[in-house]
N, C-alpha and C. Protein backbone atom coordinates (compact mmCIF):
# COMPACT_ATOMS: atom_id res chain seq x y z
N MET A 1 0.81 -1.43 0.30
CA MET A 1 -0.10 0.01 0.07
C MET A 1 0.95 1.31 0.26
N PRO A 2 0.32 2.49 -0.14
CA PRO A 2 1.04 3.26 -0.37
C PRO A 2 1.04 4.13 0.55
N THR A 3 2.42 5.05 0.96
CA THR A 3 2.61 6.14 2.24
C THR A 3 2.50 7.38 2.14
N ALA A 4 1.50 8.05 3.02
CA ALA A 4 1.99 9.19 3.21
C ALA A 4 2.52 9.87 4.53
N LEU A 5 3.01 10.83 4.41
CA LEU A 5 3.88 11.73 5.14
C LEU A 5 2.60 12.89 5.44
N ILE A 6 2.42 13.19 6.79
CA ILE A 6 1.67 13.93 7.04
C ILE A 6 1.77 14.62 8.30
N THR A 7 1.88 16.55 8.07
CA THR A 7 2.17 17.12 9.36
C THR A 7 1.17 17.42 10.21
N GLY A 8 1.46 18.22 11.61
CA GLY A 8 0.71 18.88 12.37
C GLY A 8 -0.95 18.01 12.58
N CYS A 9 -0.50 16.68 12.84
CA CYS A 9 -1.80 15.29 12.70
C CYS A 9 -2.28 15.26 14.46
N ASN A 10 -2.18 16.10 15.06
CA ASN A 10 -2.73 16.18 16.57
C ASN A 10 -4.39 16.41 16.78
N ARG A 11 -4.97 17.27 15.76
CA ARG A 11 -5.80 17.83 15.99
C ARG A 11 -6.70 18.12 14.38
N GLY A 12 -7.73 18.34 14.19
CA GLY A 12 -8.38 19.13 13.43
C GLY A 12 -8.31 18.40 11.84
N ILE A 13 -8.02 18.68 10.82
CA ILE A 13 -7.88 18.10 9.78
C ILE A 13 -6.62 17.51 9.41
N GLY A 14 -5.48 17.82 9.93
CA GLY A 14 -4.39 16.76 10.23
C GLY A 14 -4.87 15.56 10.61
N LEU A 15 -5.27 15.29 11.68
CA LEU A 15 -6.02 14.03 12.74
C LEU A 15 -6.99 13.41 11.26
N GLU A 16 -7.77 14.08 11.23
CA GLU A 16 -8.86 13.36 9.94
C GLU A 16 -8.22 12.82 8.82
N PHE A 17 -7.30 13.59 8.38
CA PHE A 17 -6.45 13.03 7.04
C PHE A 17 -5.76 11.31 7.68
N VAL A 18 -5.19 11.36 8.65
CA VAL A 18 -4.69 10.36 8.90
C VAL A 18 -5.64 9.21 9.49
N ARG A 19 -6.32 9.69 9.96
CA ARG A 19 -8.23 8.60 10.41
C ARG A 19 -8.52 8.10 9.11
N GLN A 20 -8.49 9.03 8.03
CA GLN A 20 -9.55 8.44 6.85
C GLN A 20 -8.07 7.30 5.95
N TYR A 21 -7.16 8.03 5.51
CA TYR A 21 -5.65 7.00 4.69
C TYR A 21 -5.76 5.92 5.53
N ALA A 22 -5.47 6.14 6.82
CA ALA A 22 -5.17 4.39 7.35
C ALA A 22 -6.63 3.66 7.52
N ALA A 23 -7.60 4.12 7.25
CA ALA A 23 -8.52 3.34 7.28
C ALA A 23 -8.73 2.77 6.06
N ASP A 24 -8.10 3.44 5.12
CA ASP A 24 -8.27 2.71 3.87
C ASP A 24 -6.97 1.97 3.33
N GLY A 25 -6.45 1.83 4.57
CA GLY A 25 -4.73 0.83 4.21
C GLY A 25 -3.95 1.86 3.89
N TRP A 26 -3.67 2.90 4.05
CA TRP A 26 -2.36 3.39 3.41
C TRP A 26 -1.50 3.28 4.88
N ARG A 27 -0.27 3.33 4.55
CA ARG A 27 0.81 3.43 5.91
C ARG A 27 1.08 5.08 5.99
N VAL A 28 0.58 5.45 7.23
CA VAL A 28 0.74 6.52 7.33
C VAL A 28 2.06 7.22 8.58
N ARG A 29 2.88 7.93 7.86
CA ARG A 29 3.58 8.69 9.09
C ARG A 29 3.01 10.05 9.37
N ALA A 30 2.62 9.85 10.92
CA ALA A 30 1.89 11.06 11.01
C ALA A 30 3.14 12.24 12.02
N THR A 31 2.87 13.24 12.14
CA THR A 31 3.85 14.25 12.93
C THR A 31 2.91 15.21 13.68
N CYS A 32 3.77 15.64 14.93
CA CYS A 32 2.99 16.81 15.65
C CYS A 32 4.05 16.80 17.02
N ARG A 33 4.12 17.99 17.19
CA ARG A 33 4.73 18.61 18.43
C ARG A 33 4.83 17.84 19.36
N ASN A 34 3.71 17.39 19.91
CA ASN A 34 3.84 16.37 21.06
C ASN A 34 3.03 15.33 20.95
N PRO A 35 3.61 13.87 20.85
CA PRO A 35 3.06 12.46 21.15
C PRO A 35 2.41 12.16 21.80
N ARG A 36 3.19 12.84 22.94
CA ARG A 36 2.36 11.93 24.37
C ARG A 36 1.36 12.80 24.69
N GLY A 37 0.85 13.98 23.86
CA GLY A 37 -0.36 14.53 24.40
C GLY A 37 -1.31 14.47 22.97
N ALA A 38 -1.17 13.33 22.03
CA ALA A 38 -1.86 13.23 21.05
C ALA A 38 -2.92 12.07 21.06
N LYS A 39 -3.52 12.15 22.18
CA LYS A 39 -4.17 10.66 22.31
C LYS A 39 -5.61 10.19 21.15
N GLU A 40 -6.23 10.99 20.50
CA GLU A 40 -6.79 10.94 19.59
C GLU A 40 -5.83 10.27 18.57
N LEU A 41 -4.84 11.06 18.11
CA LEU A 41 -3.98 10.06 17.29
C LEU A 41 -3.57 8.96 17.53
N ALA A 42 -3.26 8.54 19.00
CA ALA A 42 -2.73 7.48 19.10
C ALA A 42 -3.97 6.08 19.25
N ALA A 43 -4.92 6.73 19.16
CA ALA A 43 -6.16 5.73 19.07
C ALA A 43 -6.39 5.54 17.67
N ILE A 44 -6.20 5.80 16.90
CA ILE A 44 -6.56 5.35 15.55
C ILE A 44 -5.72 4.05 15.15
N SER A 45 -6.36 3.37 14.55
CA SER A 45 -6.14 2.08 14.33
C SER A 45 -5.57 1.84 12.97
N GLY A 46 -4.68 0.85 12.46
CA GLY A 46 -4.13 0.89 11.30
C GLY A 46 -2.44 0.90 11.39
N ASP A 47 -2.33 1.23 9.94
CA ASP A 47 -0.60 0.78 10.08
C ASP A 47 -0.45 2.84 10.28
N VAL A 48 0.00 3.35 11.17
CA VAL A 48 0.24 4.55 12.02
C VAL A 48 1.17 4.66 12.45
N LYS A 49 2.61 5.36 12.36
CA LYS A 49 3.50 5.63 13.25
C LYS A 49 3.30 7.15 13.39
N ILE A 50 3.67 7.66 14.97
CA ILE A 50 3.89 8.88 14.98
C ILE A 50 5.10 9.61 15.30
N HIS A 51 5.42 10.50 15.29
CA HIS A 51 6.91 11.00 15.03
C HIS A 51 6.61 12.65 15.48
N GLY A 52 7.27 12.79 16.84
CA GLY A 52 7.41 14.21 17.10
C GLY A 52 7.90 15.04 16.20
N LEU A 53 7.28 16.18 15.90
CA LEU A 53 8.25 17.15 14.85
C LEU A 53 7.92 18.78 15.32
N ASP A 54 8.64 19.36 15.46
CA ASP A 54 8.02 20.80 14.97
C ASP A 54 8.62 21.42 14.06
N VAL A 55 7.99 21.65 12.82
CA VAL A 55 8.03 21.97 11.36
C VAL A 55 9.15 22.96 11.31
N ALA A 56 9.09 23.66 12.37
CA ALA A 56 9.62 25.11 12.15
C ALA A 56 11.39 24.91 12.49
N ASP A 57 11.30 23.68 13.14
CA ASP A 57 12.67 23.51 13.60
C ASP A 57 13.64 22.74 12.56
N ASP A 58 14.34 23.72 12.12
CA ASP A 58 14.99 22.19 11.06
C ASP A 58 15.88 21.20 11.39
N TYR A 59 16.40 21.28 12.32
CA TYR A 59 17.18 20.23 12.94
C TYR A 59 16.52 19.15 13.30
N GLN A 60 15.23 19.29 13.79
CA GLN A 60 14.03 18.36 14.03
C GLN A 60 13.78 17.51 12.41
N VAL A 61 13.47 18.23 11.65
CA VAL A 61 12.73 18.06 10.27
C VAL A 61 14.20 16.99 9.53
N ALA A 62 15.20 17.63 9.45
CA ALA A 62 16.66 16.98 9.41
C ALA A 62 16.74 15.59 9.39
N ALA A 63 16.57 15.49 11.03
CA ALA A 63 16.55 14.44 11.62
C ALA A 63 15.89 13.07 11.18
N LEU A 64 14.32 14.01 11.21
CA LEU A 64 13.30 12.71 10.93
C LEU A 64 13.42 12.28 9.66
N ALA A 65 13.93 13.21 8.51
CA ALA A 65 14.33 12.66 7.13
C ALA A 65 15.51 11.78 7.16
N LYS A 66 16.39 11.70 8.20
CA LYS A 66 17.37 10.71 8.15
C LYS A 66 16.79 9.70 8.70
N SER A 67 16.22 9.61 9.57
CA SER A 67 15.46 8.48 10.22
C SER A 67 14.61 7.22 9.11
N LEU A 68 13.67 8.47 7.99
CA LEU A 68 13.10 7.85 7.19
C LEU A 68 13.77 7.53 6.02
N ALA A 69 14.83 7.89 6.00
CA ALA A 69 15.87 8.00 4.77
C ALA A 69 15.51 6.56 3.79
N ASP A 70 15.06 5.49 4.22
CA ASP A 70 14.94 4.20 3.24
C ASP A 70 13.25 3.99 3.17
N GLU A 71 12.47 4.80 3.40
CA GLU A 71 11.13 4.84 3.30
C GLU A 71 10.61 5.60 2.09
N PRO A 72 9.93 4.97 0.81
CA PRO A 72 9.41 5.66 0.00
C PRO A 72 8.43 6.61 0.78
N ILE A 73 7.68 7.51 0.13
CA ILE A 73 6.54 8.57 0.58
C ILE A 73 5.76 8.78 -0.64
N ASP A 74 4.70 8.50 -0.68
CA ASP A 74 3.77 8.34 -1.91
C ASP A 74 3.23 9.84 -2.38
N LEU A 75 2.74 10.37 -1.15
CA LEU A 75 2.18 11.67 -0.67
C LEU A 75 2.62 12.35 0.81
N LEU A 76 2.77 13.76 0.62
CA LEU A 76 3.36 14.20 1.43
C LEU A 76 2.18 15.46 1.76
N ILE A 77 1.79 15.81 2.87
CA ILE A 77 0.72 16.66 3.50
C ILE A 77 1.42 17.96 4.30
N ASN A 78 1.40 18.91 3.73
CA ASN A 78 2.05 20.11 4.66
C ASN A 78 0.79 20.80 5.22
N ASN A 79 0.14 20.02 6.30
CA ASN A 79 -0.66 20.57 7.17
C ASN A 79 -0.66 21.28 8.40
N ALA A 80 0.45 21.23 8.65
CA ALA A 80 0.87 21.97 10.11
C ALA A 80 0.83 23.27 9.39
N GLY A 81 0.49 24.24 10.41
CA GLY A 81 0.55 26.12 10.90
C GLY A 81 -0.12 26.47 11.93
N LEU A 82 0.19 27.90 11.58
CA LEU A 82 -0.62 28.63 12.49
C LEU A 82 -1.66 29.67 12.11
N GLY A 83 -2.30 30.19 12.84
CA GLY A 83 -3.92 31.46 12.61
C GLY A 83 -3.13 32.38 12.49
N SER A 84 -4.23 33.41 12.65
CA SER A 84 -3.94 34.87 12.87
C SER A 84 -3.63 34.83 14.14
N PRO A 85 -2.18 35.88 14.78
CA PRO A 85 -2.35 36.02 15.83
C PRO A 85 -3.43 37.18 16.57
N GLU A 86 -3.69 37.23 17.62
CA GLU A 86 -4.77 38.24 18.00
C GLU A 86 -4.53 39.68 17.80
N GLU A 87 -3.67 40.16 17.60
CA GLU A 87 -3.44 41.44 16.86
C GLU A 87 -3.18 41.33 15.51
N ASP A 88 -4.02 41.54 14.50
CA ASP A 88 -3.68 40.75 13.15
C ASP A 88 -4.30 41.98 11.96
N GLU A 89 -4.69 43.41 12.70
CA GLU A 89 -5.26 44.14 11.63
C GLU A 89 -4.25 45.56 11.68
N PHE A 90 -4.49 46.19 10.58
CA PHE A 90 -3.75 47.64 9.99
C PHE A 90 -3.50 48.32 11.65
N GLY A 91 -2.45 48.71 11.70
CA GLY A 91 -1.87 49.35 12.72
C GLY A 91 -1.57 48.58 13.99
N LYS A 92 -1.95 47.47 14.29
CA LYS A 92 -1.66 46.31 15.26
C LYS A 92 -1.14 45.50 15.03
N THR A 93 -0.23 45.36 13.47
CA THR A 93 0.47 43.89 13.72
C THR A 93 2.06 44.27 14.65
N SER A 94 2.39 43.05 14.76
CA SER A 94 3.64 42.89 15.39
C SER A 94 4.66 42.03 14.58
N ALA A 95 5.64 42.70 14.33
CA ALA A 95 6.73 42.22 13.56
C ALA A 95 7.31 40.74 13.91
N ASN A 96 6.99 40.79 15.22
CA ASN A 96 7.68 38.97 15.87
C ASN A 96 6.56 38.12 15.50
N ASP A 97 5.29 38.37 15.75
CA ASP A 97 4.55 37.76 15.19
C ASP A 97 4.35 37.02 13.87
N TRP A 98 4.76 37.91 13.10
CA TRP A 98 4.55 38.25 11.46
C TRP A 98 5.54 37.02 11.30
N LEU A 99 6.84 36.92 11.83
CA LEU A 99 7.98 36.31 11.46
C LEU A 99 7.69 34.50 11.95
N GLU A 100 7.31 34.68 13.14
CA GLU A 100 6.81 33.16 13.57
C GLU A 100 5.48 32.54 13.08
N VAL A 101 4.68 33.29 12.17
CA VAL A 101 3.71 32.77 11.07
C VAL A 101 4.32 32.68 10.26
N LEU A 102 5.17 33.44 9.50
CA LEU A 102 5.75 32.76 7.92
C LEU A 102 6.68 32.01 8.41
N ARG A 103 7.50 31.76 9.43
CA ARG A 103 8.31 30.63 9.80
C ARG A 103 7.78 29.25 9.62
N VAL A 104 6.35 29.41 10.23
CA VAL A 104 5.42 27.62 10.37
C VAL A 104 4.86 27.66 9.07
N ASN A 105 4.28 28.84 8.74
CA ASN A 105 2.96 28.67 7.38
C ASN A 105 3.96 28.74 5.69
N THR A 106 4.81 29.31 5.76
CA THR A 106 5.57 29.52 4.67
C THR A 106 6.96 29.09 4.26
N ILE A 107 7.83 29.27 5.33
CA ILE A 107 9.22 28.77 5.31
C ILE A 107 9.36 26.86 5.60
N ALA A 108 8.44 26.85 6.38
CA ALA A 108 8.61 25.18 7.12
C ALA A 108 8.25 24.20 6.09
N PRO A 109 7.08 24.54 5.27
CA PRO A 109 6.54 23.45 4.01
C PRO A 109 7.48 23.02 2.90
N LEU A 110 8.38 24.41 2.79
CA LEU A 110 9.67 24.12 1.77
C LEU A 110 10.63 23.26 2.16
N HIS A 111 11.12 23.57 3.40
CA HIS A 111 11.99 22.85 4.32
C HIS A 111 12.10 21.17 4.47
N VAL A 112 10.52 21.48 4.48
CA VAL A 112 9.83 19.38 4.76
C VAL A 112 10.45 18.92 3.15
N ILE A 113 9.77 19.65 2.66
CA ILE A 113 9.88 19.08 1.12
C ILE A 113 11.38 19.22 0.85
N GLU A 114 11.89 19.52 0.95
CA GLU A 114 13.60 19.71 0.34
C GLU A 114 14.28 18.51 1.36
N GLN A 115 13.76 18.36 2.50
CA GLN A 115 14.47 17.30 3.33
C GLN A 115 13.55 15.83 2.72
N PHE A 116 12.40 15.82 2.56
CA PHE A 116 11.98 14.61 1.97
C PHE A 116 12.21 14.09 0.17
N ILE A 117 12.50 14.91 -0.36
CA ILE A 117 12.31 15.05 -1.84
C ILE A 117 12.91 13.94 -2.33
N GLY A 118 13.93 12.88 -1.88
CA GLY A 118 14.45 11.65 -2.00
C GLY A 118 13.19 10.86 -1.61
N ASN A 119 12.68 10.59 -0.75
CA ASN A 119 11.73 10.07 -0.52
C ASN A 119 10.35 9.92 -1.43
N LEU A 120 10.08 10.72 -1.88
CA LEU A 120 9.10 11.14 -2.75
C LEU A 120 9.37 10.50 -4.40
N GLU A 121 11.22 10.87 -4.60
CA GLU A 121 11.57 10.30 -5.85
C GLU A 121 11.40 8.67 -5.47
N ALA A 122 11.24 8.21 -4.68
CA ALA A 122 11.17 6.85 -4.34
C ALA A 122 9.73 6.54 -4.37
N GLY A 123 8.96 7.10 -3.85
CA GLY A 123 7.82 6.61 -4.33
C GLY A 123 6.61 6.67 -5.28
N GLN A 124 5.60 5.99 -5.50
CA GLN A 124 5.38 5.58 -7.14
C GLN A 124 4.19 7.31 -7.48
N ARG A 125 3.74 7.63 -6.12
CA ARG A 125 2.84 8.74 -6.88
C ARG A 125 3.23 10.21 -6.73
N LYS A 126 4.39 10.49 -5.78
CA LYS A 126 4.98 11.88 -5.83
C LYS A 126 4.10 12.72 -6.02
N LEU A 127 3.34 12.90 -5.14
CA LEU A 127 1.92 14.01 -4.63
C LEU A 127 2.56 14.61 -3.60
N ILE A 128 3.04 16.42 -3.71
CA ILE A 128 2.83 17.17 -2.51
C ILE A 128 1.90 18.12 -2.72
N VAL A 129 0.93 17.95 -1.48
CA VAL A 129 -0.17 18.66 -0.93
C VAL A 129 0.14 19.69 0.34
N ASN A 130 -0.39 21.03 -0.22
CA ASN A 130 0.21 22.04 0.70
C ASN A 130 -0.86 22.68 1.10
N ILE A 131 -1.71 22.67 2.55
CA ILE A 131 -2.69 23.26 3.06
C ILE A 131 -2.82 24.91 3.05
N THR A 132 -3.10 25.41 2.11
CA THR A 132 -3.23 26.62 2.46
C THR A 132 -4.64 27.20 3.10
N SER A 133 -5.23 28.63 2.51
CA SER A 133 -6.21 29.07 2.59
C SER A 133 -6.73 29.73 1.64
N LYS A 134 -8.20 30.26 1.08
CA LYS A 134 -8.76 30.91 0.50
C LYS A 134 -8.21 32.51 0.68
N MET A 135 -7.99 32.58 2.10
CA MET A 135 -7.29 34.44 2.61
C MET A 135 -6.19 34.59 1.91
N GLY A 136 -5.43 33.30 1.16
CA GLY A 136 -4.00 33.71 0.58
C GLY A 136 -4.26 34.39 -0.58
N SER A 137 -5.88 34.27 -1.19
CA SER A 137 -5.95 34.71 -2.59
C SER A 137 -5.89 35.90 -2.49
N ILE A 138 -5.11 36.95 -3.53
CA ILE A 138 -5.02 38.24 -3.74
C ILE A 138 -6.00 38.58 -4.02
N ALA A 139 -6.56 37.74 -5.20
CA ALA A 139 -7.68 38.10 -6.06
C ALA A 139 -8.92 38.10 -5.08
N ASP A 140 -8.97 37.39 -3.95
CA ASP A 140 -10.61 37.28 -3.51
C ASP A 140 -9.99 37.82 -1.72
N SER A 141 -9.31 38.64 -1.62
CA SER A 141 -8.70 39.45 -0.58
C SER A 141 -9.91 40.38 0.26
N GLY A 142 -10.20 40.57 1.15
CA GLY A 142 -11.35 40.79 1.96
C GLY A 142 -10.60 42.18 2.71
N GLY A 143 -9.57 41.88 2.87
CA GLY A 143 -8.78 43.12 3.52
C GLY A 143 -8.42 42.58 5.47
N GLY A 144 -7.49 43.18 6.25
CA GLY A 144 -7.11 42.66 7.23
C GLY A 144 -6.72 41.49 7.59
N ALA A 145 -5.91 40.90 8.65
CA ALA A 145 -5.39 39.70 8.73
C ALA A 145 -4.40 39.31 7.64
N TYR A 146 -3.40 40.43 8.11
CA TYR A 146 -2.54 41.22 7.12
C TYR A 146 -1.20 39.73 7.05
N ILE A 147 -0.97 39.27 8.57
CA ILE A 147 -0.03 38.31 9.12
C ILE A 147 -0.70 37.03 8.12
N TYR A 148 -1.54 36.73 8.60
CA TYR A 148 -2.35 35.30 8.02
C TYR A 148 -1.72 34.92 6.88
N ARG A 149 -3.13 36.25 6.21
CA ARG A 149 -3.16 36.43 4.58
C ARG A 149 -2.00 36.21 3.90
N SER A 150 -0.49 37.06 4.44
CA SER A 150 0.52 36.92 3.52
C SER A 150 1.34 35.87 3.87
N SER A 151 1.29 35.19 5.20
CA SER A 151 1.79 33.75 5.50
C SER A 151 1.32 32.63 4.11
N LYS A 152 0.11 33.02 3.98
CA LYS A 152 -0.44 31.87 3.21
C LYS A 152 -0.50 32.28 1.25
N ALA A 153 -0.57 33.68 1.21
CA ALA A 153 -0.17 34.02 0.03
C ALA A 153 1.44 33.93 -0.25
N ALA A 154 1.67 33.70 0.45
CA ALA A 154 3.49 33.20 0.34
C ALA A 154 3.80 32.17 0.22
N LEU A 155 3.12 30.90 0.92
CA LEU A 155 3.10 29.68 0.76
C LEU A 155 2.50 29.38 -0.54
N ASN A 156 1.51 30.02 -1.29
CA ASN A 156 0.85 29.46 -2.60
C ASN A 156 2.30 29.66 -3.23
N MET A 157 3.10 31.11 -3.20
CA MET A 157 4.13 30.83 -4.42
C MET A 157 5.12 30.16 -3.92
N VAL A 158 5.18 29.83 -2.81
CA VAL A 158 6.63 28.37 -2.72
C VAL A 158 6.14 27.35 -3.50
N ALA A 159 4.85 26.90 -3.46
CA ALA A 159 4.11 25.34 -3.87
C ALA A 159 4.26 26.10 -5.11
N LYS A 160 3.99 27.35 -6.01
CA LYS A 160 3.97 27.51 -7.46
C LYS A 160 5.38 27.10 -8.12
N SER A 161 6.19 27.86 -7.55
CA SER A 161 7.87 27.73 -7.76
C SER A 161 8.30 26.47 -7.62
N MET A 162 7.49 25.68 -6.68
CA MET A 162 8.21 24.02 -6.48
C MET A 162 7.91 23.24 -7.78
N ALA A 163 6.29 23.27 -8.02
CA ALA A 163 5.88 22.70 -9.20
C ALA A 163 6.63 22.93 -10.45
N GLN A 164 7.10 24.36 -10.75
CA GLN A 164 8.02 24.01 -11.83
C GLN A 164 9.55 23.75 -11.48
N ASP A 165 10.21 23.96 -10.51
CA ASP A 165 11.37 23.27 -10.44
C ASP A 165 11.55 21.77 -10.00
N LEU A 166 10.29 21.27 -9.26
CA LEU A 166 10.45 19.82 -9.72
C LEU A 166 9.64 19.01 -10.29
N LYS A 167 9.02 19.69 -11.73
CA LYS A 167 8.69 18.98 -12.91
C LYS A 167 9.20 17.76 -13.30
N ALA A 168 10.49 18.27 -13.44
CA ALA A 168 11.21 17.06 -13.92
C ALA A 168 11.48 15.75 -13.08
N LYS A 169 10.98 15.87 -11.99
CA LYS A 169 10.72 14.69 -10.95
C LYS A 169 9.58 14.03 -11.06
N ARG A 170 9.08 14.60 -11.65
CA ARG A 170 7.70 14.31 -12.05
C ARG A 170 6.59 14.36 -10.64
N MET A 171 6.97 15.61 -9.47
CA MET A 171 6.01 15.72 -8.80
C MET A 171 5.20 16.84 -9.02
N ILE A 172 4.14 16.45 -8.41
CA ILE A 172 2.65 17.31 -8.89
C ILE A 172 2.73 17.78 -7.53
N VAL A 173 2.35 19.26 -7.63
CA VAL A 173 2.58 20.05 -6.15
C VAL A 173 1.41 21.05 -6.08
N VAL A 174 0.54 20.70 -5.38
CA VAL A 174 -0.99 21.54 -5.40
C VAL A 174 -0.89 22.19 -3.68
N VAL A 175 -1.72 23.43 -3.89
CA VAL A 175 -2.52 24.14 -2.56
C VAL A 175 -3.68 23.72 -2.77
N PHE A 176 -4.33 23.28 -1.29
CA PHE A 176 -5.75 23.56 -1.23
C PHE A 176 -6.28 24.36 -0.21
N HIS A 177 -7.89 24.88 -0.18
CA HIS A 177 -8.34 25.52 0.70
C HIS A 177 -9.01 24.50 1.41
N PRO A 178 -9.21 24.70 2.74
CA PRO A 178 -9.93 23.05 3.09
C PRO A 178 -11.13 23.80 3.33
N GLY A 179 -11.55 24.99 3.22
CA GLY A 179 -12.78 25.34 3.30
C GLY A 179 -12.86 25.96 5.19
N TRP A 180 -13.77 26.37 5.45
CA TRP A 180 -14.06 27.30 6.88
C TRP A 180 -14.50 25.90 7.57
N VAL A 181 -13.31 25.41 8.45
CA VAL A 181 -13.45 23.99 8.98
C VAL A 181 -13.64 24.37 10.22
N LYS A 182 -14.73 23.31 10.71
CA LYS A 182 -14.75 23.66 12.48
C LYS A 182 -13.55 22.88 13.38
N THR A 183 -12.18 23.22 13.62
CA THR A 183 -11.27 23.10 14.23
C THR A 183 -11.27 24.04 15.00
N ASP A 184 -10.09 23.73 16.09
CA ASP A 184 -9.85 24.73 17.05
C ASP A 184 -9.27 26.28 16.48
N MET A 185 -8.79 26.14 14.99
CA MET A 185 -8.16 27.29 14.71
C MET A 185 -9.63 28.01 13.92
N GLY A 186 -10.34 26.96 13.22
CA GLY A 186 -11.63 27.57 12.47
C GLY A 186 -12.69 28.25 13.26
N GLY A 187 -12.78 27.75 14.81
CA GLY A 187 -13.38 28.74 15.89
C GLY A 187 -14.98 27.91 15.50
N PRO A 188 -15.84 28.01 16.60
CA PRO A 188 -16.70 27.64 16.74
C PRO A 188 -18.27 27.67 15.76
N HIS A 189 -17.69 29.19 14.62
CA HIS A 189 -18.66 29.45 14.19
C HIS A 189 -18.43 28.70 12.41
N ALA A 190 -17.27 28.45 12.35
CA ALA A 190 -16.86 27.31 11.04
C ALA A 190 -18.08 26.42 10.56
N LEU A 191 -18.05 26.46 9.29
CA LEU A 191 -19.29 25.80 8.89
C LEU A 191 -19.05 24.29 8.27
N ILE A 192 -17.52 23.81 8.26
CA ILE A 192 -16.98 22.68 7.37
C ILE A 192 -17.24 21.55 8.44
N PRO A 193 -17.80 20.61 8.23
CA PRO A 193 -16.70 19.72 9.45
C PRO A 193 -15.33 18.77 8.81
N PRO A 194 -14.34 18.88 10.03
CA PRO A 194 -13.30 18.21 9.03
C PRO A 194 -13.46 16.73 8.11
N LYS A 195 -14.45 15.94 8.95
CA LYS A 195 -14.75 14.51 7.93
C LYS A 195 -15.02 15.26 6.43
N ALA A 196 -16.11 16.33 6.13
CA ALA A 196 -16.37 17.00 5.17
C ALA A 196 -15.06 17.27 4.14
N SER A 197 -14.19 17.88 4.58
CA SER A 197 -13.33 18.74 3.98
C SER A 197 -12.30 17.71 3.83
N VAL A 198 -11.79 16.95 4.21
CA VAL A 198 -10.93 16.13 4.07
C VAL A 198 -11.24 14.83 3.02
N THR A 199 -12.60 14.43 3.37
CA THR A 199 -13.13 13.28 2.07
C THR A 199 -13.09 14.45 0.91
N GLY A 200 -13.17 15.33 0.72
CA GLY A 200 -13.17 16.18 -0.38
C GLY A 200 -12.11 16.45 -0.73
N MET A 201 -10.97 16.91 -0.38
CA MET A 201 -9.56 17.12 -0.48
C MET A 201 -9.46 15.90 -1.24
N ARG A 202 -9.26 14.48 -0.65
CA ARG A 202 -9.00 13.37 -0.76
C ARG A 202 -9.45 12.81 -2.39
N SER A 203 -10.53 13.39 -2.36
CA SER A 203 -11.20 12.96 -3.84
C SER A 203 -10.29 13.56 -4.98
N LYS A 204 -9.94 14.82 -4.79
CA LYS A 204 -9.25 15.52 -5.57
C LYS A 204 -7.99 14.91 -5.49
N ILE A 205 -7.28 14.99 -4.70
CA ILE A 205 -5.82 14.22 -4.29
C ILE A 205 -5.81 13.00 -5.18
N ALA A 206 -7.02 12.10 -4.89
CA ALA A 206 -6.72 11.02 -5.92
C ALA A 206 -6.93 10.82 -7.26
N ALA A 207 -7.70 12.09 -7.98
CA ALA A 207 -7.50 12.39 -9.55
C ALA A 207 -6.21 13.35 -9.90
N LEU A 208 -5.46 13.56 -9.49
CA LEU A 208 -4.56 14.61 -9.12
C LEU A 208 -3.64 14.25 -10.55
N THR A 209 -3.33 15.09 -11.64
CA THR A 209 -2.33 14.41 -12.73
C THR A 209 -1.86 15.52 -12.84
N PRO A 210 -0.60 15.41 -13.65
CA PRO A 210 0.67 16.39 -13.94
C PRO A 210 -0.13 17.91 -14.30
N ALA A 211 -1.06 17.53 -15.30
CA ALA A 211 -1.70 18.84 -15.58
C ALA A 211 -1.83 19.69 -14.40
N ASP A 212 -2.23 19.00 -13.27
CA ASP A 212 -2.88 19.88 -12.30
C ASP A 212 -1.44 20.60 -11.21
N SER A 213 -0.27 20.39 -11.65
CA SER A 213 0.47 20.98 -10.87
C SER A 213 0.59 22.25 -10.47
N GLY A 214 0.82 23.11 -9.47
CA GLY A 214 1.10 24.48 -9.81
C GLY A 214 -0.51 25.11 -9.19
N LYS A 215 -1.25 24.12 -9.01
CA LYS A 215 -2.95 25.12 -8.81
C LYS A 215 -3.22 24.83 -7.40
N PHE A 216 -4.09 25.95 -7.27
CA PHE A 216 -4.79 26.36 -6.55
C PHE A 216 -6.31 26.12 -6.30
N PHE A 217 -6.54 24.39 -5.34
CA PHE A 217 -7.78 24.06 -5.18
C PHE A 217 -8.81 24.49 -4.07
N ASN A 218 -10.09 24.64 -4.21
CA ASN A 218 -11.19 24.34 -2.82
C ASN A 218 -11.20 23.02 -2.37
N TYR A 219 -11.29 22.96 -1.27
CA TYR A 219 -11.63 21.28 -0.49
C TYR A 219 -12.42 20.29 -1.54
N ASP A 220 -13.67 21.29 -2.69
CA ASP A 220 -14.65 20.06 -3.30
C ASP A 220 -14.13 19.95 -4.39
N GLY A 221 -12.54 20.14 -4.91
CA GLY A 221 -11.92 20.24 -6.45
C GLY A 221 -11.93 21.26 -7.03
N GLN A 222 -12.62 22.44 -6.94
CA GLN A 222 -13.10 23.52 -7.52
C GLN A 222 -11.36 24.67 -7.65
N PRO A 223 -11.08 24.80 -8.62
CA PRO A 223 -10.10 25.85 -8.49
C PRO A 223 -10.40 27.32 -7.64
N ILE A 224 -9.41 27.97 -7.41
CA ILE A 224 -9.67 29.25 -6.41
C ILE A 224 -8.75 30.10 -7.60
N PRO A 225 -8.67 31.20 -7.49
CA PRO A 225 -7.78 32.29 -8.07
C PRO A 225 -7.13 32.89 -7.03
N TRP A 226 -5.72 33.10 -8.17
CA TRP A 226 -4.65 33.19 -7.02
C TRP A 226 -4.53 34.82 -6.36
């Protein structure tokens, strides 16, 4: 069976990705910052191995890649991310908050791919999925949320560039807006259950072709403007 490496799996969307792929018989390598506290993740049955990982720590990323060096990976999902800090409005942004969010949402996904590119080359499917947000769409910007929006817009550009640079390696690189999902980050007023979001994304992921590389999709598979 194929293997998926998924970051940020202790809750929400990442946890649901692990649950669904494991239920379908995939080998899942799930990461989170605190495996001891990830009780729901540990309770998932199937071929699931949990690895401690702070994606913003380059040393940890490199160490995990070294430990998994001989394992082919068919699908890598960059799911780990930070939401908007409390002060993310015009005139109230903090440079330190901004740098922290950029580190996790934009820089870390690229560094994870760079470390695991050999595993992806050894895999059969060669799929790289980055969880972004419609809030990173410049064409659809509603103002405000400067820190979060810019981090996701930057992630979109990173993915677009990777799609070009990794074309020769036959990688398919895409970004997904998961919808406004009922998670800790999405908040109590969100509209979409994690199960529906992940089910929709998985359907599109399974149907991806090289012609899709470098594209921005909604969780239901519809394109989103950059």
